[in-house]
N, C-alpha and C. Protein backbone atom coordinates (compact mmCIF):
# COMPACT_ATOMS: atom_id res chain seq x y z
N MET A 1 -38.58 -58.88 12.11
CA MET A 1 -38.95 -58.88 13.56
C MET A 1 -39.83 -60.02 13.70
N GLY A 2 -40.25 -60.77 12.76
CA GLY A 2 -41.30 -61.61 12.93
C GLY A 2 -40.97 -63.01 13.70
N ARG A 3 -39.63 -63.43 13.55
CA ARG A 3 -39.12 -64.54 14.03
C ARG A 3 -38.78 -64.32 15.42
N GLU A 4 -38.28 -63.17 15.95
CA GLU A 4 -37.95 -62.93 17.25
C GLU A 4 -39.05 -62.93 17.99
N LEU A 5 -40.48 -62.61 17.65
CA LEU A 5 -41.49 -62.82 18.59
C LEU A 5 -41.49 -63.93 18.96
N THR A 6 -40.92 -65.18 18.59
CA THR A 6 -41.22 -66.68 18.83
C THR A 6 -40.45 -66.72 19.83
N ASP A 7 -39.55 -66.14 20.15
CA ASP A 7 -38.74 -66.06 21.39
C ASP A 7 -39.15 -65.56 22.72
N LEU A 8 -40.22 -65.07 22.39
CA LEU A 8 -41.19 -64.07 23.85
C LEU A 8 -42.33 -64.93 24.07
N THR A 9 -42.27 -64.92 25.40
CA THR A 9 -43.44 -65.78 25.86
C THR A 9 -45.01 -64.97 25.63
N ALA A 10 -46.08 -65.96 25.50
CA ALA A 10 -47.40 -65.18 25.15
C ALA A 10 -47.81 -64.08 26.04
N ALA A 11 -47.36 -63.99 27.13
CA ALA A 11 -47.85 -62.91 27.86
C ALA A 11 -47.12 -61.63 27.30
N GLN A 12 -45.58 -61.81 27.27
CA GLN A 12 -44.83 -60.82 26.67
C GLN A 12 -45.41 -60.27 25.15
N ILE A 13 -45.54 -61.32 24.49
CA ILE A 13 -46.35 -60.71 22.78
C ILE A 13 -47.31 -59.89 23.32
N GLU A 14 -48.41 -60.36 24.33
CA GLU A 14 -49.60 -59.85 24.45
C GLU A 14 -49.31 -58.32 25.09
N LYS A 15 -48.34 -58.12 26.20
CA LYS A 15 -47.89 -56.79 26.47
C LYS A 15 -47.40 -55.88 25.41
N PHE A 16 -46.35 -56.48 24.75
CA PHE A 16 -45.61 -55.87 23.61
C PHE A 16 -46.66 -55.03 22.52
N LEU A 17 -47.57 -56.07 22.36
CA LEU A 17 -48.68 -55.47 21.32
C LEU A 17 -49.54 -54.54 21.86
N ALA A 18 -49.62 -54.28 23.11
CA ALA A 18 -50.72 -53.64 23.89
C ALA A 18 -50.09 -52.38 23.95
N PHE A 19 -48.76 -52.13 23.60
CA PHE A 19 -47.95 -50.54 23.76
C PHE A 19 -48.80 -49.71 22.80
N ARG A 20 -49.16 -48.38 22.98
CA ARG A 20 -49.98 -47.73 22.22
C ARG A 20 -48.92 -46.19 21.89
N GLY A 21 -47.84 -45.77 22.91
CA GLY A 21 -47.27 -44.83 22.66
C GLY A 21 -46.71 -44.15 23.53
N TYR A 22 -46.03 -43.09 23.31
CA TYR A 22 -45.36 -42.27 24.31
C TYR A 22 -46.12 -41.17 24.61
N VAL A 23 -46.54 -40.81 25.95
CA VAL A 23 -47.83 -39.83 26.14
C VAL A 23 -47.58 -39.36 27.54
N ASN A 24 -48.19 -38.25 27.96
CA ASN A 24 -48.55 -38.05 29.09
C ASN A 24 -50.01 -37.74 29.05
N PRO A 25 -50.69 -38.56 29.86
CA PRO A 25 -52.21 -38.78 29.59
C PRO A 25 -52.78 -37.59 29.78
N ASN A 26 -52.24 -36.59 30.58
CA ASN A 26 -52.98 -35.32 30.75
C ASN A 26 -52.39 -34.31 29.99
N GLY A 27 -51.49 -34.50 28.88
CA GLY A 27 -50.84 -33.84 28.01
C GLY A 27 -51.74 -33.08 27.06
N ARG A 28 -50.92 -32.27 26.41
CA ARG A 28 -51.74 -31.65 25.04
C ARG A 28 -51.53 -32.49 23.79
N PHE A 29 -50.24 -33.45 23.65
CA PHE A 29 -49.78 -33.81 22.70
C PHE A 29 -49.62 -35.44 22.98
N TRP A 30 -50.19 -36.50 22.22
CA TRP A 30 -49.89 -37.81 22.43
C TRP A 30 -48.94 -38.14 20.93
N PHE A 31 -48.26 -38.95 21.07
CA PHE A 31 -47.49 -39.77 19.94
C PHE A 31 -47.77 -41.26 19.91
N ILE A 32 -48.70 -41.79 19.08
CA ILE A 32 -48.98 -43.04 18.98
C ILE A 32 -48.25 -43.79 18.07
N GLY A 33 -47.36 -44.86 18.53
CA GLY A 33 -46.70 -45.81 18.14
C GLY A 33 -45.26 -46.32 18.58
N MET A 34 -44.34 -46.82 17.99
CA MET A 34 -43.55 -47.02 18.65
C MET A 34 -42.21 -46.67 17.79
N GLU A 35 -42.27 -46.41 16.78
CA GLU A 35 -41.13 -46.00 16.00
C GLU A 35 -40.06 -44.83 16.49
N GLU A 36 -39.05 -45.17 16.86
CA GLU A 36 -37.97 -44.33 17.15
C GLU A 36 -36.52 -44.80 16.94
N GLY A 37 -36.31 -45.38 16.10
CA GLY A 37 -35.12 -46.02 15.27
C GLY A 37 -34.46 -46.99 15.83
N GLY A 38 -35.07 -47.69 16.82
CA GLY A 38 -34.42 -48.65 17.80
C GLY A 38 -34.37 -50.06 16.82
N LYS A 39 -33.28 -50.77 17.41
CA LYS A 39 -32.93 -52.01 16.94
C LYS A 39 -34.08 -52.83 17.31
N SER A 40 -34.32 -53.92 16.80
CA SER A 40 -35.39 -54.99 16.67
C SER A 40 -34.67 -56.32 17.35
N THR A 41 -33.93 -56.12 18.11
CA THR A 41 -33.21 -57.31 18.62
C THR A 41 -33.96 -57.93 19.76
N ILE A 42 -33.86 -59.22 20.20
CA ILE A 42 -34.83 -59.93 20.85
C ILE A 42 -34.49 -59.20 22.39
N GLU A 43 -33.41 -59.07 22.76
CA GLU A 43 -33.04 -58.05 24.09
C GLU A 43 -34.20 -56.77 24.06
N ASN A 44 -34.07 -55.97 22.91
CA ASN A 44 -35.16 -54.60 23.14
C ASN A 44 -36.35 -54.85 23.08
N LEU A 45 -36.78 -56.07 22.37
CA LEU A 45 -38.41 -56.41 22.57
C LEU A 45 -38.72 -57.06 23.79
N ARG A 46 -37.65 -57.94 24.48
CA ARG A 46 -37.82 -57.92 25.96
C ARG A 46 -38.10 -56.98 26.86
N ILE A 47 -37.38 -56.09 26.53
CA ILE A 47 -37.40 -54.52 27.41
C ILE A 47 -38.69 -54.39 27.22
N ARG A 48 -39.05 -53.94 26.22
CA ARG A 48 -40.44 -53.36 25.67
C ARG A 48 -41.55 -54.33 26.46
N ALA A 49 -41.49 -55.27 26.07
CA ALA A 49 -42.57 -56.44 26.69
C ALA A 49 -42.62 -56.47 28.31
N GLU A 50 -41.35 -56.53 29.15
CA GLU A 50 -41.49 -56.61 30.28
C GLU A 50 -41.35 -55.28 31.07
N LYS A 51 -40.97 -54.09 30.57
CA LYS A 51 -40.73 -52.90 31.52
C LYS A 51 -41.83 -51.67 30.95
N PHE A 52 -42.22 -51.93 29.74
CA PHE A 52 -43.05 -50.68 29.42
C PHE A 52 -44.39 -50.83 29.37
N ASP A 53 -44.99 -49.57 29.95
CA ASP A 53 -46.49 -49.66 30.40
C ASP A 53 -47.23 -49.45 28.96
N ARG A 54 -48.51 -49.49 29.00
CA ARG A 54 -49.36 -49.14 27.35
C ARG A 54 -49.41 -48.07 27.23
N LEU A 55 -49.13 -46.53 28.17
CA LEU A 55 -48.86 -45.50 27.73
C LEU A 55 -47.56 -45.21 28.55
N GLU A 56 -46.59 -44.74 27.85
CA GLU A 56 -45.10 -44.56 28.53
C GLU A 56 -44.71 -43.17 28.11
N ASP A 57 -44.01 -43.06 29.33
CA ASP A 57 -43.51 -41.50 29.36
C ASP A 57 -41.77 -41.90 28.46
N LEU A 58 -41.60 -40.79 27.42
CA LEU A 58 -40.69 -41.40 26.90
C LEU A 58 -39.37 -41.20 27.53
N GLU A 59 -38.89 -40.27 28.30
CA GLU A 59 -37.71 -40.17 29.19
C GLU A 59 -37.67 -41.23 29.82
N ARG A 60 -38.70 -41.70 30.62
CA ARG A 60 -38.45 -42.79 31.65
C ARG A 60 -38.42 -44.33 31.06
N SER A 61 -38.86 -44.16 29.97
CA SER A 61 -38.76 -45.56 29.19
C SER A 61 -37.38 -46.03 28.72
N HIS A 62 -36.64 -44.62 27.98
CA HIS A 62 -35.67 -44.70 27.35
C HIS A 62 -34.37 -44.97 28.42
N ARG A 63 -34.70 -45.06 29.68
CA ARG A 63 -33.85 -45.15 31.07
C ARG A 63 -33.37 -46.81 30.98
N ASN A 64 -34.49 -47.59 30.04
CA ASN A 64 -34.30 -49.00 30.27
C ASN A 64 -33.52 -49.59 29.34
N PHE A 65 -32.89 -48.58 28.31
CA PHE A 65 -31.77 -49.09 27.65
C PHE A 65 -30.22 -48.38 27.63
N ASN A 66 -29.38 -49.18 27.88
CA ASN A 66 -28.07 -48.80 28.06
C ASN A 66 -27.74 -47.67 26.86
N SER A 67 -28.14 -48.33 26.01
CA SER A 67 -27.75 -47.25 24.71
C SER A 67 -28.54 -46.28 23.97
N HIS A 68 -29.02 -45.74 24.96
CA HIS A 68 -30.00 -44.39 24.49
C HIS A 68 -29.89 -43.42 25.53
N ASP A 69 -29.27 -42.38 24.64
CA ASP A 69 -28.69 -41.07 25.37
C ASP A 69 -29.85 -40.10 25.05
N MET A 70 -30.45 -39.61 26.17
CA MET A 70 -31.73 -38.75 26.04
C MET A 70 -31.16 -37.19 26.24
N ASN A 71 -29.61 -37.16 25.99
CA ASN A 71 -29.31 -35.85 25.58
C ASN A 71 -28.80 -35.89 24.26
N LYS A 72 -29.08 -36.57 23.23
CA LYS A 72 -28.90 -36.27 21.79
C LYS A 72 -29.89 -36.82 21.09
N LEU A 73 -30.23 -36.12 20.17
CA LEU A 73 -31.36 -36.17 19.15
C LEU A 73 -30.76 -37.11 17.90
N THR A 74 -31.30 -38.43 18.21
CA THR A 74 -30.66 -39.48 17.34
C THR A 74 -31.30 -40.01 16.09
N THR A 75 -32.73 -39.66 15.83
CA THR A 75 -33.42 -39.95 14.76
C THR A 75 -34.23 -38.88 14.36
N SER A 76 -34.82 -38.82 13.03
CA SER A 76 -35.60 -37.98 12.57
C SER A 76 -36.90 -37.92 13.12
N THR A 77 -37.21 -39.06 13.78
CA THR A 77 -38.42 -39.10 14.22
C THR A 77 -38.80 -38.17 15.54
N TRP A 78 -37.74 -38.18 16.48
CA TRP A 78 -37.77 -36.98 17.55
C TRP A 78 -37.63 -35.46 16.90
N GLY A 79 -36.99 -35.55 15.78
CA GLY A 79 -36.79 -34.28 15.61
C GLY A 79 -38.33 -33.55 14.67
N LEU A 80 -38.92 -34.37 14.37
CA LEU A 80 -40.36 -34.25 13.79
C LEU A 80 -41.05 -33.98 15.10
N MET A 81 -41.35 -34.92 16.16
CA MET A 81 -42.10 -34.57 17.46
C MET A 81 -41.83 -33.23 18.08
N LEU A 82 -40.09 -32.88 18.33
CA LEU A 82 -40.17 -31.76 18.58
C LEU A 82 -40.48 -30.45 18.09
N SER A 83 -40.42 -30.66 16.54
CA SER A 83 -40.96 -29.66 15.78
C SER A 83 -42.60 -29.40 16.14
N ILE A 84 -43.16 -30.15 16.36
CA ILE A 84 -44.90 -30.45 16.49
C ILE A 84 -45.00 -29.64 17.97
N VAL A 85 -44.23 -30.24 18.75
CA VAL A 85 -44.65 -29.58 20.52
C VAL A 85 -43.62 -28.32 20.52
N GLY A 86 -42.66 -28.23 20.07
CA GLY A 86 -41.73 -26.87 20.30
C GLY A 86 -42.31 -25.73 19.75
């Protein structure tokens, strides 16, 4: 992923690195970090840099990606999160 970051502007990199995780600020659980099994393509990095807030609603954020199906559990990360919350 290191080389792809050079294709982003300084402002995009700053916003990308400021991302903290998927949370409801008033919620009981916060998941800190960005690991959800997505690809580290320059397009995915740009979407995150341009459209994600520092604290992001999981469902809303994944509407930015055409490849994400929120009706399917596609990574073990989501299964772990569900087991904690569920």
